[in-house]
Every structure is written in structure tokens, then in C-alpha cells.
């Protein structure tokens, strides 16, 4: 379970990542370019930083892992 973003401009911070691929829902493997932080704006206007987001430009969508948020103690 990981967070994935396909748009580099959404990252506020990026670092090189040793992980080279991430397995997607259809069992395909996509290349991870970097890992970083993406700011997420909630409906009420609050902005929070989502960390450990994988930059995977070959995907067509962005994914937030509910399982990761749950493990971090977030209310969902």
C-alpha cells in the first residue's frame, strides 16, 4: 500500500528513492522515479502534507492509500 502521484508539479519536495517499481491494482509494475511530499487541500480549506508519495509518471491517476492513513492513526 502506497500513495502514488503522476504529476511532478504537485510535489513540494522530491528525493531519489531506492524502490524502483510499485505494483498496481491490475498486478502491473510501474517505475517509481522519486518519492516526496504532496500538499492535499481538504473541503474545509485546510492543507495537509501527504508524505512518502511515489512519483510514478506512467500512471493516469493519483492514489491515496487509505490503509497507510489508517496505519498512521488518521481518522477516515
C-alpha atoms as a PDB file:
ATOM      1  CA  UNK A   1       0.000   0.000   0.000  1.00  0.00           C
ATOM      2  CA  UNK A   2       1.492   3.300  -1.111  1.00  0.00           C
ATOM      3  CA  UNK A   3       0.455   6.788  -2.158  1.00  0.00           C
ATOM      4  CA  UNK A   4       1.020   7.468  -5.886  1.00  0.00           C
ATOM      5  CA  UNK A   5       1.056  10.731  -7.862  1.00  0.00           C
ATOM      6  CA  UNK A   6       1.589  11.047 -11.605  1.00  0.00           C
ATOM      7  CA  UNK A   7       2.085  14.845 -11.733  1.00  0.00           C
ATOM      8  CA  UNK A   8       5.548  16.127 -10.780  1.00  0.00           C
ATOM      9  CA  UNK A   9       4.305  19.700 -10.368  1.00  0.00           C
ATOM     10  CA  UNK A  10       2.116  18.610  -7.425  1.00  0.00           C
ATOM     11  CA  UNK A  11       5.164  17.739  -5.300  1.00  0.00           C
ATOM     12  CA  UNK A  12       6.542  20.283  -2.850  1.00  0.00           C
ATOM     13  CA  UNK A  13       9.604  18.127  -2.150  1.00  0.00           C
ATOM     14  CA  UNK A  14      11.210  15.191  -4.006  1.00  0.00           C
ATOM     15  CA  UNK A  15      14.094  12.858  -3.188  1.00  0.00           C
ATOM     16  CA  UNK A  16      15.581   9.881  -5.007  1.00  0.00           C
ATOM     17  CA  UNK A  17      14.025   6.602  -3.924  1.00  0.00           C
ATOM     18  CA  UNK A  18      15.674   3.198  -3.833  1.00  0.00           C
ATOM     19  CA  UNK A  19      12.374   1.473  -4.625  1.00  0.00           C
ATOM     20  CA  UNK A  20      12.314   1.053  -8.407  1.00  0.00           C
ATOM     21  CA  UNK A  21       8.778  -0.222  -9.045  1.00  0.00           C
ATOM     22  CA  UNK A  22       5.363  -0.242  -7.446  1.00  0.00           C
ATOM     23  CA  UNK A  23       2.761  -2.943  -8.089  1.00  0.00           C
ATOM     24  CA  UNK A  24      -0.542  -1.517  -9.265  1.00  0.00           C
ATOM     25  CA  UNK A  25      -4.080  -2.839  -8.728  1.00  0.00           C
ATOM     26  CA  UNK A  26      -4.038  -4.771 -12.017  1.00  0.00           C
ATOM     27  CA  UNK A  27      -0.761  -6.501 -10.952  1.00  0.00           C
ATOM     28  CA  UNK A  28       1.299  -4.460 -13.417  1.00  0.00           C
ATOM     29  CA  UNK A  29       4.574  -2.915 -12.242  1.00  0.00           C
ATOM     30  CA  UNK A  30       5.210   0.809 -12.764  1.00  0.00           C
ATOM     31  CA  UNK A  31       8.526   2.601 -12.384  1.00  0.00           C
ATOM     32  CA  UNK A  32       8.961   4.852  -9.337  1.00  0.00           C
ATOM     33  CA  UNK A  33      11.027   7.911 -10.284  1.00  0.00           C
ATOM     34  CA  UNK A  34      11.224   9.671  -6.900  1.00  0.00           C
ATOM     35  CA  UNK A  35       9.402   9.932  -3.579  1.00  0.00           C
ATOM     36  CA  UNK A  36       8.242  13.122  -1.915  1.00  0.00           C
ATOM     37  CA  UNK A  37       5.585  15.293  -0.331  1.00  0.00           C
ATOM     38  CA  UNK A  38       2.295  16.474  -1.847  1.00  0.00           C
ATOM     39  CA  UNK A  39       0.007  19.037  -0.206  1.00  0.00           C
ATOM     40  CA  UNK A  40      -3.643  17.983  -0.069  1.00  0.00           C
ATOM     41  CA  UNK A  41      -6.384  20.589   0.352  1.00  0.00           C
ATOM     42  CA  UNK A  42      -9.449  19.381   2.239  1.00  0.00           C
ATOM     43  CA  UNK A  43     -13.001  20.522   1.521  1.00  0.00           C
ATOM     44  CA  UNK A  44     -12.868  22.863   4.522  1.00  0.00           C
ATOM     45  CA  UNK A  45      -9.769  24.579   3.073  1.00  0.00           C
ATOM     46  CA  UNK A  46      -7.244  23.001   5.452  1.00  0.00           C
ATOM     47  CA  UNK A  47      -3.996  21.957   3.753  1.00  0.00           C
ATOM     48  CA  UNK A  48      -2.047  18.925   4.970  1.00  0.00           C
ATOM     49  CA  UNK A  49       1.193  17.392   3.753  1.00  0.00           C
ATOM     50  CA  UNK A  50       0.994  13.821   2.482  1.00  0.00           C
ATOM     51  CA  UNK A  51       4.457  12.277   2.782  1.00  0.00           C
ATOM     52  CA  UNK A  52       6.103   9.231   1.174  1.00  0.00           C
ATOM     53  CA  UNK A  53       4.186   9.740  -2.075  1.00  0.00           C
ATOM     54  CA  UNK A  54       5.692   7.845  -5.028  1.00  0.00           C
ATOM     55  CA  UNK A  55       6.161   9.817  -8.245  1.00  0.00           C
ATOM     56  CA  UNK A  56       5.018   7.421 -10.986  1.00  0.00           C
ATOM     57  CA  UNK A  57       4.542   9.410 -14.210  1.00  0.00           C
ATOM     58  CA  UNK A  58       3.299   6.470 -16.278  1.00  0.00           C
ATOM     59  CA  UNK A  59       0.060   6.188 -14.276  1.00  0.00           C
ATOM     60  CA  UNK A  60      -3.035   8.105 -15.343  1.00  0.00           C
ATOM     61  CA  UNK A  61      -4.253   8.832 -11.836  1.00  0.00           C
ATOM     62  CA  UNK A  62      -3.266   9.771  -8.288  1.00  0.00           C
ATOM     63  CA  UNK A  63      -3.880   7.364  -5.396  1.00  0.00           C
ATOM     64  CA  UNK A  64      -4.104   7.940  -1.665  1.00  0.00           C
ATOM     65  CA  UNK A  65      -3.778   4.725   0.325  1.00  0.00           C
ATOM     66  CA  UNK A  66      -6.487   4.520   2.978  1.00  0.00           C
ATOM     67  CA  UNK A  67      -4.561   1.625   4.562  1.00  0.00           C
ATOM     68  CA  UNK A  68      -1.451   3.790   5.027  1.00  0.00           C
ATOM     69  CA  UNK A  69      -3.512   6.617   6.531  1.00  0.00           C
ATOM     70  CA  UNK A  70      -5.194   4.148   8.888  1.00  0.00           C
ATOM     71  CA  UNK A  71      -1.800   2.768   9.985  1.00  0.00           C
ATOM     72  CA  UNK A  72      -0.681   6.341  10.742  1.00  0.00           C
ATOM     73  CA  UNK A  73      -3.687   6.854  13.023  1.00  0.00           C
ATOM     74  CA  UNK A  74      -5.711   9.136  10.755  1.00  0.00           C
ATOM     75  CA  UNK A  75      -9.482   9.249  11.108  1.00  0.00           C
ATOM     76  CA  UNK A  76     -11.120   8.131   7.885  1.00  0.00           C
END
